Amino acid sequence: MKEHQKINTVSQTFNNLGKQLLTFIKKKVQLAQDAEDIFQEVWFQFSKLTNIDALDNASAWLYAVSRNKITDFYRKKKTDNLEDYTYENEEGEFSIKDILLLDDSQNPELVIFKELFWETLLNALEELPENQKRVFVLNELEDKTLQEIADAQGEKLKTIISRKGYAIKHLRKKLLPLYNELNL
């Protein structure tokens, strides 16, 4: 296939499938920017094919590559942990998990904050669907890896990552007022 024919094929395929493919990717990825990055990678890979004319179904190829890119995106994406939330004071930087696990019964403010945190966390966990709550508890509180959880539950890793993500999003919303109070 000559270069100008290839360019025409890529352009025509893009015009026919571009919007549908981007919509498909956006439904699978939370952030529009991430979806657009994946979308660009797919089209870049498509444009670099040397045998576009040999494809029986360009649409099927594009959707298959998109699914693979989305899966790769989630595999690479680091899941949120309590250690990701940090608090800085004059003595340095601490993660919220470090603060909550400190045994500092001499500090009444910290004792009250810890009690309030655990009460808020447990109430927020109770609001989650059981499968999301179980993944969060096993990963964050019992230090199981997401892969260990997936294997034990007979689920795909992607499913476990998704459940943890939904749990984190819900818990983050519920715990944000406490986090803001700690940073005052």
N, C-alpha and C. Protein backbone atom coordinates (compact mmCIF):
# COMPACT_ATOMS: atom_id res chain seq x y z
N MET A 1 0.85 -1.18 0.00
CA MET A 1 0.00 0.00 0.00
C MET A 1 0.90 1.23 0.00
N LYS A 2 0.58 2.14 -0.84
CA LYS A 2 1.35 3.37 -0.92
C LYS A 2 1.01 4.27 0.26
N GLU A 3 1.96 5.15 0.57
CA GLU A 3 1.82 6.00 1.74
C GLU A 3 0.56 6.86 1.70
N HIS A 4 0.24 7.46 0.57
CA HIS A 4 -0.95 8.32 0.50
C HIS A 4 -2.23 7.50 0.64
N GLN A 5 -2.23 6.26 0.16
CA GLN A 5 -3.40 5.39 0.34
C GLN A 5 -3.56 5.03 1.82
N LYS A 6 -2.43 4.78 2.48
CA LYS A 6 -2.46 4.46 3.90
C LYS A 6 -3.02 5.65 4.69
N ILE A 7 -2.56 6.86 4.37
CA ILE A 7 -3.04 8.05 5.05
C ILE A 7 -4.54 8.21 4.85
N ASN A 8 -5.01 7.96 3.63
CA ASN A 8 -6.45 8.05 3.35
C ASN A 8 -7.23 7.01 4.14
N THR A 9 -6.71 5.81 4.23
CA THR A 9 -7.38 4.75 4.99
C THR A 9 -7.46 5.11 6.46
N VAL A 10 -6.36 5.59 7.03
CA VAL A 10 -6.34 5.98 8.44
C VAL A 10 -7.32 7.13 8.67
N SER A 11 -7.30 8.12 7.82
CA SER A 11 -8.20 9.28 7.95
C SER A 11 -9.66 8.86 7.84
N GLN A 12 -9.97 8.02 6.88
CA GLN A 12 -11.34 7.58 6.69
C GLN A 12 -11.82 6.75 7.89
N THR A 13 -10.96 5.88 8.38
CA THR A 13 -11.31 5.06 9.55
C THR A 13 -11.51 5.95 10.77
N PHE A 14 -10.65 6.93 10.92
CA PHE A 14 -10.78 7.87 12.04
C PHE A 14 -12.11 8.62 11.96
N ASN A 15 -12.44 9.11 10.77
CA ASN A 15 -13.70 9.85 10.60
C ASN A 15 -14.91 8.97 10.90
N ASN A 16 -14.84 7.69 10.53
CA ASN A 16 -15.96 6.77 10.72
C ASN A 16 -16.09 6.27 12.16
N LEU A 17 -14.95 6.06 12.82
CA LEU A 17 -14.98 5.39 14.13
C LEU A 17 -14.45 6.21 15.29
N GLY A 18 -13.86 7.35 15.03
CA GLY A 18 -13.18 8.13 16.07
C GLY A 18 -14.05 8.47 17.27
N LYS A 19 -15.21 9.06 17.02
CA LYS A 19 -16.08 9.47 18.12
C LYS A 19 -16.59 8.28 18.92
N GLN A 20 -16.98 7.22 18.21
CA GLN A 20 -17.48 6.02 18.89
C GLN A 20 -16.41 5.39 19.76
N LEU A 21 -15.20 5.32 19.24
CA LEU A 21 -14.10 4.70 19.98
C LEU A 21 -13.75 5.52 21.22
N LEU A 22 -13.71 6.84 21.08
CA LEU A 22 -13.41 7.69 22.24
C LEU A 22 -14.50 7.55 23.30
N THR A 23 -15.75 7.48 22.88
CA THR A 23 -16.86 7.28 23.82
C THR A 23 -16.71 5.95 24.55
N PHE A 24 -16.35 4.91 23.82
CA PHE A 24 -16.12 3.59 24.40
C PHE A 24 -15.04 3.65 25.48
N ILE A 25 -13.92 4.30 25.16
CA ILE A 25 -12.80 4.40 26.10
C ILE A 25 -13.19 5.23 27.32
N LYS A 26 -13.90 6.33 27.11
CA LYS A 26 -14.31 7.21 28.23
C LYS A 26 -15.21 6.48 29.22
N LYS A 27 -16.00 5.53 28.72
CA LYS A 27 -16.86 4.75 29.62
C LYS A 27 -16.06 3.81 30.51
N LYS A 28 -14.87 3.47 30.09
CA LYS A 28 -14.04 2.51 30.82
C LYS A 28 -13.00 3.17 31.72
N VAL A 29 -12.73 4.47 31.50
CA VAL A 29 -11.68 5.17 32.23
C VAL A 29 -12.31 6.39 32.90
N GLN A 30 -11.95 6.62 34.16
CA GLN A 30 -12.60 7.68 34.94
C GLN A 30 -12.30 9.08 34.42
N LEU A 31 -11.06 9.40 34.14
CA LEU A 31 -10.68 10.76 33.76
C LEU A 31 -10.65 10.91 32.24
N ALA A 32 -11.25 11.99 31.76
CA ALA A 32 -11.29 12.26 30.32
C ALA A 32 -9.87 12.37 29.74
N GLN A 33 -8.96 12.95 30.50
CA GLN A 33 -7.58 13.11 30.02
C GLN A 33 -6.92 11.74 29.81
N ASP A 34 -7.15 10.81 30.73
CA ASP A 34 -6.60 9.46 30.57
C ASP A 34 -7.22 8.77 29.36
N ALA A 35 -8.52 8.95 29.17
CA ALA A 35 -9.21 8.35 28.02
C ALA A 35 -8.64 8.90 26.71
N GLU A 36 -8.40 10.21 26.68
CA GLU A 36 -7.85 10.81 25.47
C GLU A 36 -6.42 10.33 25.20
N ASP A 37 -5.63 10.12 26.25
CA ASP A 37 -4.28 9.57 26.07
C ASP A 37 -4.33 8.17 25.47
N ILE A 38 -5.22 7.35 26.01
CA ILE A 38 -5.37 5.98 25.48
C ILE A 38 -5.84 6.04 24.04
N PHE A 39 -6.80 6.90 23.76
CA PHE A 39 -7.34 7.09 22.41
C PHE A 39 -6.21 7.44 21.42
N GLN A 40 -5.35 8.37 21.83
CA GLN A 40 -4.23 8.76 20.97
C GLN A 40 -3.26 7.61 20.76
N GLU A 41 -2.99 6.84 21.81
CA GLU A 41 -2.10 5.69 21.67
C GLU A 41 -2.65 4.67 20.67
N VAL A 42 -3.94 4.43 20.74
CA VAL A 42 -4.57 3.48 19.82
C VAL A 42 -4.43 3.95 18.39
N TRP A 43 -4.74 5.22 18.15
CA TRP A 43 -4.65 5.74 16.79
C TRP A 43 -3.21 5.80 16.30
N PHE A 44 -2.30 6.10 17.20
CA PHE A 44 -0.88 6.10 16.82
C PHE A 44 -0.46 4.69 16.40
N GLN A 45 -0.85 3.70 17.19
CA GLN A 45 -0.51 2.32 16.86
C GLN A 45 -1.15 1.91 15.53
N PHE A 46 -2.39 2.33 15.31
CA PHE A 46 -3.08 2.02 14.06
C PHE A 46 -2.36 2.65 12.87
N SER A 47 -1.94 3.91 13.03
CA SER A 47 -1.28 4.61 11.92
C SER A 47 0.09 4.04 11.61
N LYS A 48 0.69 3.34 12.58
CA LYS A 48 2.02 2.76 12.36
C LYS A 48 1.97 1.35 11.76
N LEU A 49 0.77 0.79 11.64
CA LEU A 49 0.65 -0.53 11.03
C LEU A 49 1.17 -0.50 9.60
N THR A 50 1.93 -1.49 9.25
CA THR A 50 2.46 -1.54 7.89
C THR A 50 1.52 -2.29 6.95
N ASN A 51 0.58 -3.03 7.52
CA ASN A 51 -0.32 -3.83 6.69
C ASN A 51 -1.79 -3.54 6.99
N ILE A 52 -2.15 -2.28 6.99
CA ILE A 52 -3.54 -1.88 7.28
C ILE A 52 -4.49 -2.55 6.30
N ASP A 53 -4.09 -2.65 5.05
CA ASP A 53 -4.97 -3.23 4.04
C ASP A 53 -5.22 -4.73 4.29
N ALA A 54 -4.39 -5.37 5.11
CA ALA A 54 -4.57 -6.79 5.42
C ALA A 54 -5.57 -7.02 6.55
N LEU A 55 -5.97 -5.96 7.24
CA LEU A 55 -6.95 -6.10 8.32
C LEU A 55 -8.32 -6.44 7.73
N ASP A 56 -8.94 -7.50 8.25
CA ASP A 56 -10.28 -7.85 7.80
C ASP A 56 -11.31 -6.88 8.35
N ASN A 57 -11.09 -6.46 9.62
CA ASN A 57 -12.06 -5.60 10.28
C ASN A 57 -11.30 -4.60 11.14
N ALA A 58 -11.11 -3.40 10.60
CA ALA A 58 -10.36 -2.36 11.31
C ALA A 58 -11.07 -1.99 12.61
N SER A 59 -12.38 -1.98 12.60
CA SER A 59 -13.15 -1.64 13.80
C SER A 59 -12.86 -2.64 14.92
N ALA A 60 -12.91 -3.90 14.63
CA ALA A 60 -12.64 -4.94 15.64
C ALA A 60 -11.21 -4.79 16.17
N TRP A 61 -10.27 -4.52 15.27
CA TRP A 61 -8.87 -4.35 15.68
C TRP A 61 -8.74 -3.16 16.63
N LEU A 62 -9.38 -2.04 16.28
CA LEU A 62 -9.29 -0.83 17.10
C LEU A 62 -9.90 -1.05 18.49
N TYR A 63 -11.04 -1.73 18.56
CA TYR A 63 -11.67 -1.98 19.85
C TYR A 63 -10.84 -2.96 20.69
N ALA A 64 -10.26 -3.96 20.04
CA ALA A 64 -9.41 -4.92 20.77
C ALA A 64 -8.17 -4.22 21.33
N VAL A 65 -7.55 -3.39 20.54
CA VAL A 65 -6.37 -2.64 21.00
C VAL A 65 -6.77 -1.69 22.12
N SER A 66 -7.92 -1.05 21.99
CA SER A 66 -8.41 -0.14 23.03
C SER A 66 -8.60 -0.88 24.34
N ARG A 67 -9.23 -2.05 24.30
CA ARG A 67 -9.42 -2.84 25.53
C ARG A 67 -8.08 -3.19 26.15
N ASN A 68 -7.13 -3.58 25.31
CA ASN A 68 -5.79 -3.92 25.83
C ASN A 68 -5.10 -2.71 26.45
N LYS A 69 -5.23 -1.56 25.81
CA LYS A 69 -4.60 -0.34 26.34
C LYS A 69 -5.26 0.06 27.68
N ILE A 70 -6.57 -0.10 27.78
CA ILE A 70 -7.28 0.22 29.02
C ILE A 70 -6.81 -0.72 30.13
N THR A 71 -6.69 -2.01 29.81
CA THR A 71 -6.21 -2.98 30.79
C THR A 71 -4.79 -2.63 31.24
N ASP A 72 -3.93 -2.29 30.28
CA ASP A 72 -2.56 -1.89 30.62
C ASP A 72 -2.56 -0.65 31.50
N PHE A 73 -3.43 0.29 31.21
CA PHE A 73 -3.54 1.52 31.99
C PHE A 73 -3.85 1.19 33.45
N TYR A 74 -4.81 0.31 33.69
CA TYR A 74 -5.18 -0.04 35.06
C TYR A 74 -4.11 -0.86 35.76
N ARG A 75 -3.39 -1.66 35.00
CA ARG A 75 -2.29 -2.43 35.61
C ARG A 75 -1.18 -1.50 36.07
N LYS A 76 -0.90 -0.48 35.28
CA LYS A 76 0.17 0.46 35.60
C LYS A 76 -0.23 1.42 36.70
N LYS A 77 -1.52 1.70 36.76
CA LYS A 77 -2.00 2.71 37.71
C LYS A 77 -1.81 2.21 39.13
N LYS A 78 -1.19 3.04 39.93
CA LYS A 78 -0.97 2.73 41.35
C LYS A 78 -2.27 2.98 42.09
N THR A 79 -2.63 2.05 42.95
CA THR A 79 -3.84 2.25 43.74
C THR A 79 -3.54 3.16 44.91
N ASP A 80 -4.55 3.87 45.35
CA ASP A 80 -4.40 4.77 46.49
C ASP A 80 -4.28 3.97 47.78
N ASN A 81 -3.45 4.44 48.66
CA ASN A 81 -3.28 3.86 49.98
C ASN A 81 -3.32 4.97 51.01
N LEU A 82 -3.51 4.59 52.25
CA LEU A 82 -3.50 5.61 53.30
C LEU A 82 -2.16 6.33 53.37
N GLU A 83 -1.08 5.64 52.99
CA GLU A 83 0.24 6.27 53.04
C GLU A 83 0.34 7.46 52.08
N ASP A 84 -0.57 7.51 51.09
CA ASP A 84 -0.52 8.59 50.11
C ASP A 84 -0.93 9.94 50.71
N TYR A 85 -1.62 9.91 51.83
CA TYR A 85 -2.07 11.14 52.47
C TYR A 85 -1.06 11.53 53.52
N THR A 86 -0.46 12.68 53.34
CA THR A 86 0.60 13.09 54.25
C THR A 86 0.21 14.35 55.00
N TYR A 87 0.85 14.50 56.15
CA TYR A 87 0.65 15.64 57.04
C TYR A 87 2.03 16.16 57.36
N GLU A 88 2.19 17.45 57.25
CA GLU A 88 3.51 18.02 57.50
C GLU A 88 3.42 18.98 58.68
N ASN A 89 4.35 18.81 59.60
CA ASN A 89 4.44 19.76 60.71
C ASN A 89 5.91 20.16 60.86
N GLU A 90 6.22 20.86 61.93
CA GLU A 90 7.59 21.35 62.10
C GLU A 90 8.61 20.23 62.29
N GLU A 91 8.14 19.04 62.65
CA GLU A 91 9.06 17.91 62.84
C GLU A 91 9.28 17.10 61.56
N GLY A 92 8.56 17.42 60.51
CA GLY A 92 8.72 16.70 59.25
C GLY A 92 7.39 16.25 58.69
N GLU A 93 7.47 15.28 57.78
CA GLU A 93 6.29 14.81 57.09
C GLU A 93 5.92 13.42 57.59
N PHE A 94 4.63 13.19 57.83
CA PHE A 94 4.14 11.90 58.29
C PHE A 94 2.95 11.51 57.42
N SER A 95 2.77 10.22 57.22
CA SER A 95 1.56 9.78 56.54
C SER A 95 0.44 9.71 57.57
N ILE A 96 -0.77 9.83 57.11
CA ILE A 96 -1.91 9.74 58.02
C ILE A 96 -1.92 8.37 58.69
N LYS A 97 -1.54 7.34 57.95
CA LYS A 97 -1.50 6.00 58.54
C LYS A 97 -0.52 5.97 59.71
N ASP A 98 0.64 6.61 59.57
CA ASP A 98 1.61 6.68 60.68
C ASP A 98 1.01 7.37 61.89
N ILE A 99 0.32 8.46 61.66
CA ILE A 99 -0.29 9.22 62.77
C ILE A 99 -1.33 8.37 63.48
N LEU A 100 -2.15 7.67 62.70
CA LEU A 100 -3.22 6.88 63.30
C LEU A 100 -2.70 5.67 64.07
N LEU A 101 -1.54 5.18 63.69
CA LEU A 101 -0.99 4.02 64.37
C LEU A 101 -0.04 4.39 65.50
N LEU A 102 0.24 5.70 65.65
CA LEU A 102 1.09 6.14 66.76
C LEU A 102 0.41 5.85 68.10
N ASP A 103 1.18 5.42 69.05
CA ASP A 103 0.64 5.25 70.40
C ASP A 103 1.06 6.46 71.21
N ASP A 104 0.29 7.51 71.09
CA ASP A 104 0.62 8.76 71.76
C ASP A 104 -0.54 9.15 72.67
N SER A 105 -0.76 8.35 73.67
CA SER A 105 -1.89 8.58 74.58
C SER A 105 -1.69 9.83 75.43
N GLN A 106 -0.50 10.43 75.37
CA GLN A 106 -0.23 11.66 76.13
C GLN A 106 -0.81 12.88 75.43
N ASN A 107 -1.17 12.74 74.17
CA ASN A 107 -1.69 13.86 73.40
C ASN A 107 -3.21 13.70 73.27
N PRO A 108 -3.98 14.43 74.09
CA PRO A 108 -5.44 14.25 74.08
C PRO A 108 -6.08 14.63 72.74
N GLU A 109 -5.52 15.62 72.03
CA GLU A 109 -6.08 15.99 70.74
C GLU A 109 -5.93 14.85 69.74
N LEU A 110 -4.78 14.18 69.74
CA LEU A 110 -4.55 13.06 68.84
C LEU A 110 -5.47 11.89 69.19
N VAL A 111 -5.65 11.65 70.46
CA VAL A 111 -6.55 10.57 70.90
C VAL A 111 -7.96 10.83 70.38
N ILE A 112 -8.44 12.05 70.52
CA ILE A 112 -9.78 12.41 70.05
C ILE A 112 -9.86 12.30 68.54
N PHE A 113 -8.83 12.78 67.85
CA PHE A 113 -8.81 12.71 66.39
C PHE A 113 -8.84 11.26 65.92
N LYS A 114 -8.03 10.40 66.55
CA LYS A 114 -7.99 9.00 66.16
C LYS A 114 -9.34 8.33 66.38
N GLU A 115 -9.97 8.61 67.52
CA GLU A 115 -11.28 8.02 67.79
C GLU A 115 -12.30 8.47 66.74
N LEU A 116 -12.29 9.76 66.42
CA LEU A 116 -13.20 10.30 65.42
C LEU A 116 -12.91 9.70 64.04
N PHE A 117 -11.63 9.58 63.71
CA PHE A 117 -11.25 8.99 62.42
C PHE A 117 -11.78 7.56 62.31
N TRP A 118 -11.49 6.74 63.31
CA TRP A 118 -11.90 5.33 63.23
C TRP A 118 -13.42 5.20 63.19
N GLU A 119 -14.12 6.04 63.94
CA GLU A 119 -15.58 6.01 63.92
C GLU A 119 -16.09 6.38 62.53
N THR A 120 -15.53 7.44 61.95
CA THR A 120 -15.94 7.88 60.62
C THR A 120 -15.60 6.83 59.57
N LEU A 121 -14.41 6.25 59.67
CA LEU A 121 -14.00 5.22 58.72
C LEU A 121 -14.91 4.00 58.79
N LEU A 122 -15.18 3.52 59.99
CA LEU A 122 -16.03 2.34 60.13
C LEU A 122 -17.45 2.61 59.63
N ASN A 123 -17.99 3.78 59.92
CA ASN A 123 -19.32 4.14 59.41
C ASN A 123 -19.32 4.20 57.88
N ALA A 124 -18.27 4.80 57.30
CA ALA A 124 -18.17 4.90 55.84
C ALA A 124 -18.00 3.52 55.21
N LEU A 125 -17.24 2.64 55.86
CA LEU A 125 -17.08 1.28 55.35
C LEU A 125 -18.42 0.54 55.32
N GLU A 126 -19.24 0.77 56.33
CA GLU A 126 -20.55 0.11 56.40
C GLU A 126 -21.47 0.55 55.25
N GLU A 127 -21.23 1.73 54.70
CA GLU A 127 -22.04 2.24 53.59
C GLU A 127 -21.66 1.60 52.26
N LEU A 128 -20.49 0.96 52.21
CA LEU A 128 -20.01 0.37 50.96
C LEU A 128 -20.68 -0.98 50.69
N PRO A 129 -20.77 -1.35 49.41
CA PRO A 129 -21.17 -2.72 49.09
C PRO A 129 -20.15 -3.69 49.71
N GLU A 130 -20.61 -4.86 50.09
CA GLU A 130 -19.77 -5.83 50.80
C GLU A 130 -18.48 -6.15 50.05
N ASN A 131 -18.54 -6.33 48.72
CA ASN A 131 -17.34 -6.71 47.98
C ASN A 131 -16.29 -5.59 47.98
N GLN A 132 -16.72 -4.32 47.95
CA GLN A 132 -15.78 -3.20 48.00
C GLN A 132 -15.18 -3.09 49.39
N LYS A 133 -16.01 -3.22 50.40
CA LYS A 133 -15.54 -3.15 51.79
C LYS A 133 -14.51 -4.24 52.06
N ARG A 134 -14.79 -5.46 51.61
CA ARG A 134 -13.89 -6.59 51.84
C ARG A 134 -12.52 -6.34 51.21
N VAL A 135 -12.51 -5.84 49.97
CA VAL A 135 -11.23 -5.57 49.28
C VAL A 135 -10.45 -4.50 50.03
N PHE A 136 -11.12 -3.42 50.44
CA PHE A 136 -10.43 -2.36 51.16
C PHE A 136 -9.83 -2.87 52.47
N VAL A 137 -10.63 -3.59 53.25
CA VAL A 137 -10.17 -4.09 54.55
C VAL A 137 -9.00 -5.05 54.37
N LEU A 138 -9.13 -5.97 53.43
CA LEU A 138 -8.04 -6.94 53.22
C LEU A 138 -6.76 -6.25 52.78
N ASN A 139 -6.87 -5.26 51.89
CA ASN A 139 -5.68 -4.60 51.36
C ASN A 139 -5.08 -3.61 52.35
N GLU A 140 -5.89 -2.74 52.91
CA GLU A 140 -5.37 -1.67 53.76
C GLU A 140 -5.12 -2.09 55.21
N LEU A 141 -6.02 -2.88 55.75
CA LEU A 141 -5.92 -3.19 57.17
C LEU A 141 -5.25 -4.53 57.45
N GLU A 142 -5.36 -5.45 56.49
CA GLU A 142 -4.73 -6.76 56.68
C GLU A 142 -3.51 -6.96 55.80
N ASP A 143 -3.11 -5.92 55.07
CA ASP A 143 -1.90 -5.90 54.24
C ASP A 143 -1.82 -7.01 53.20
N LYS A 144 -2.94 -7.42 52.66
CA LYS A 144 -2.96 -8.37 51.54
C LYS A 144 -2.76 -7.58 50.26
N THR A 145 -2.02 -8.16 49.32
CA THR A 145 -1.87 -7.49 48.03
C THR A 145 -3.15 -7.66 47.24
N LEU A 146 -3.35 -6.78 46.27
CA LEU A 146 -4.54 -6.89 45.44
C LEU A 146 -4.54 -8.20 44.66
N GLN A 147 -3.36 -8.65 44.25
CA GLN A 147 -3.27 -9.93 43.53
C GLN A 147 -3.66 -11.09 44.45
N GLU A 148 -3.22 -11.06 45.70
CA GLU A 148 -3.60 -12.11 46.66
C GLU A 148 -5.12 -12.13 46.86
N ILE A 149 -5.72 -10.96 46.93
CA ILE A 149 -7.17 -10.88 47.10
C ILE A 149 -7.88 -11.44 45.87
N ALA A 150 -7.40 -11.07 44.70
CA ALA A 150 -8.00 -11.57 43.45
C ALA A 150 -7.92 -13.09 43.39
N ASP A 151 -6.76 -13.63 43.72
CA ASP A 151 -6.58 -15.09 43.69
C ASP A 151 -7.50 -15.77 44.70
N ALA A 152 -7.57 -15.24 45.91
CA ALA A 152 -8.39 -15.85 46.96
C ALA A 152 -9.88 -15.79 46.62
N GLN A 153 -10.31 -14.73 45.94
CA GLN A 153 -11.73 -14.58 45.62
C GLN A 153 -12.09 -15.13 44.25
N GLY A 154 -11.06 -15.59 43.51
CA GLY A 154 -11.31 -16.11 42.17
C GLY A 154 -11.79 -15.04 41.21
N GLU A 155 -11.30 -13.83 41.40
CA GLU A 155 -11.69 -12.69 40.57
C GLU A 155 -10.49 -12.22 39.75
N LYS A 156 -10.78 -11.45 38.72
CA LYS A 156 -9.71 -10.84 37.93
C LYS A 156 -9.11 -9.69 38.74
N LEU A 157 -7.81 -9.46 38.56
CA LEU A 157 -7.14 -8.36 39.25
C LEU A 157 -7.81 -7.03 38.93
N LYS A 158 -8.19 -6.85 37.69
CA LYS A 158 -8.84 -5.60 37.27
C LYS A 158 -10.12 -5.35 38.08
N THR A 159 -10.87 -6.40 38.35
CA THR A 159 -12.10 -6.28 39.13
C THR A 159 -11.78 -5.83 40.55
N ILE A 160 -10.74 -6.42 41.14
CA ILE A 160 -10.34 -6.07 42.51
C ILE A 160 -9.85 -4.63 42.56
N ILE A 161 -9.06 -4.22 41.57
CA ILE A 161 -8.56 -2.84 41.50
C ILE A 161 -9.74 -1.87 41.41
N SER A 162 -10.71 -2.22 40.60
CA SER A 162 -11.89 -1.38 40.44
C SER A 162 -12.67 -1.25 41.76
N ARG A 163 -12.86 -2.37 42.45
CA ARG A 163 -13.57 -2.34 43.73
C ARG A 163 -12.83 -1.47 44.75
N LYS A 164 -11.50 -1.60 44.78
CA LYS A 164 -10.71 -0.79 45.70
C LYS A 164 -10.83 0.68 45.33
N GLY A 165 -10.82 0.96 44.04
CA GLY A 165 -10.94 2.35 43.58
C GLY A 165 -12.26 2.98 44.00
N TYR A 166 -13.36 2.24 43.84
CA TYR A 166 -14.66 2.76 44.26
C TYR A 166 -14.70 2.97 45.77
N ALA A 167 -14.12 2.04 46.51
CA ALA A 167 -14.09 2.17 47.98
C ALA A 167 -13.29 3.40 48.37
N ILE A 168 -12.12 3.59 47.77
CA ILE A 168 -11.27 4.74 48.07
C ILE A 168 -12.01 6.05 47.76
N LYS A 169 -12.68 6.09 46.63
CA LYS A 169 -13.40 7.31 46.25
C LYS A 169 -14.46 7.65 47.30
N HIS A 170 -15.22 6.65 47.74
CA HIS A 170 -16.25 6.87 48.74
C HIS A 170 -15.64 7.29 50.08
N LEU A 171 -14.60 6.57 50.50
CA LEU A 171 -13.97 6.86 51.79
C LEU A 171 -13.29 8.23 51.78
N ARG A 172 -12.69 8.57 50.66
CA ARG A 172 -12.04 9.87 50.54
C ARG A 172 -13.05 11.00 50.76
N LYS A 173 -14.23 10.84 50.16
CA LYS A 173 -15.28 11.85 50.31
C LYS A 173 -15.73 11.95 51.78
N LYS A 174 -15.86 10.81 52.44
CA LYS A 174 -16.32 10.80 53.82
C LYS A 174 -15.26 11.30 54.80
N LEU A 175 -13.98 11.06 54.49
CA LEU A 175 -12.89 11.42 55.40
C LEU A 175 -12.28 12.79 55.10
N LEU A 176 -12.67 13.39 53.99
CA LEU A 176 -12.09 14.69 53.61
C LEU A 176 -12.23 15.75 54.69
N PRO A 177 -13.37 15.88 55.36
CA PRO A 177 -13.46 16.90 56.42
C PRO A 177 -12.43 16.68 57.53
N LEU A 178 -12.17 15.44 57.90
CA LEU A 178 -11.17 15.16 58.93
C LEU A 178 -9.76 15.50 58.43
N TYR A 179 -9.50 15.14 57.20
CA TYR A 179 -8.19 15.44 56.61
C TYR A 179 -7.97 16.94 56.57
N ASN A 180 -8.99 17.69 56.15
CA ASN A 180 -8.88 19.16 56.12
C ASN A 180 -8.66 19.73 57.51
N GLU A 181 -9.33 19.16 58.49
CA GLU A 181 -9.16 19.61 59.88
C GLU A 181 -7.72 19.36 60.36
N LEU A 182 -7.16 18.24 59.99
CA LEU A 182 -5.79 17.90 60.39
C LEU A 182 -4.79 18.87 59.76
N ASN A 183 -5.07 19.34 58.56
CA ASN A 183 -4.14 20.22 57.86
C ASN A 183 -4.31 21.69 58.22
N LEU A 184 -5.23 22.02 59.11
CA LEU A 184 -5.41 23.43 59.48
C LEU A 184 -4.26 23.95 60.29
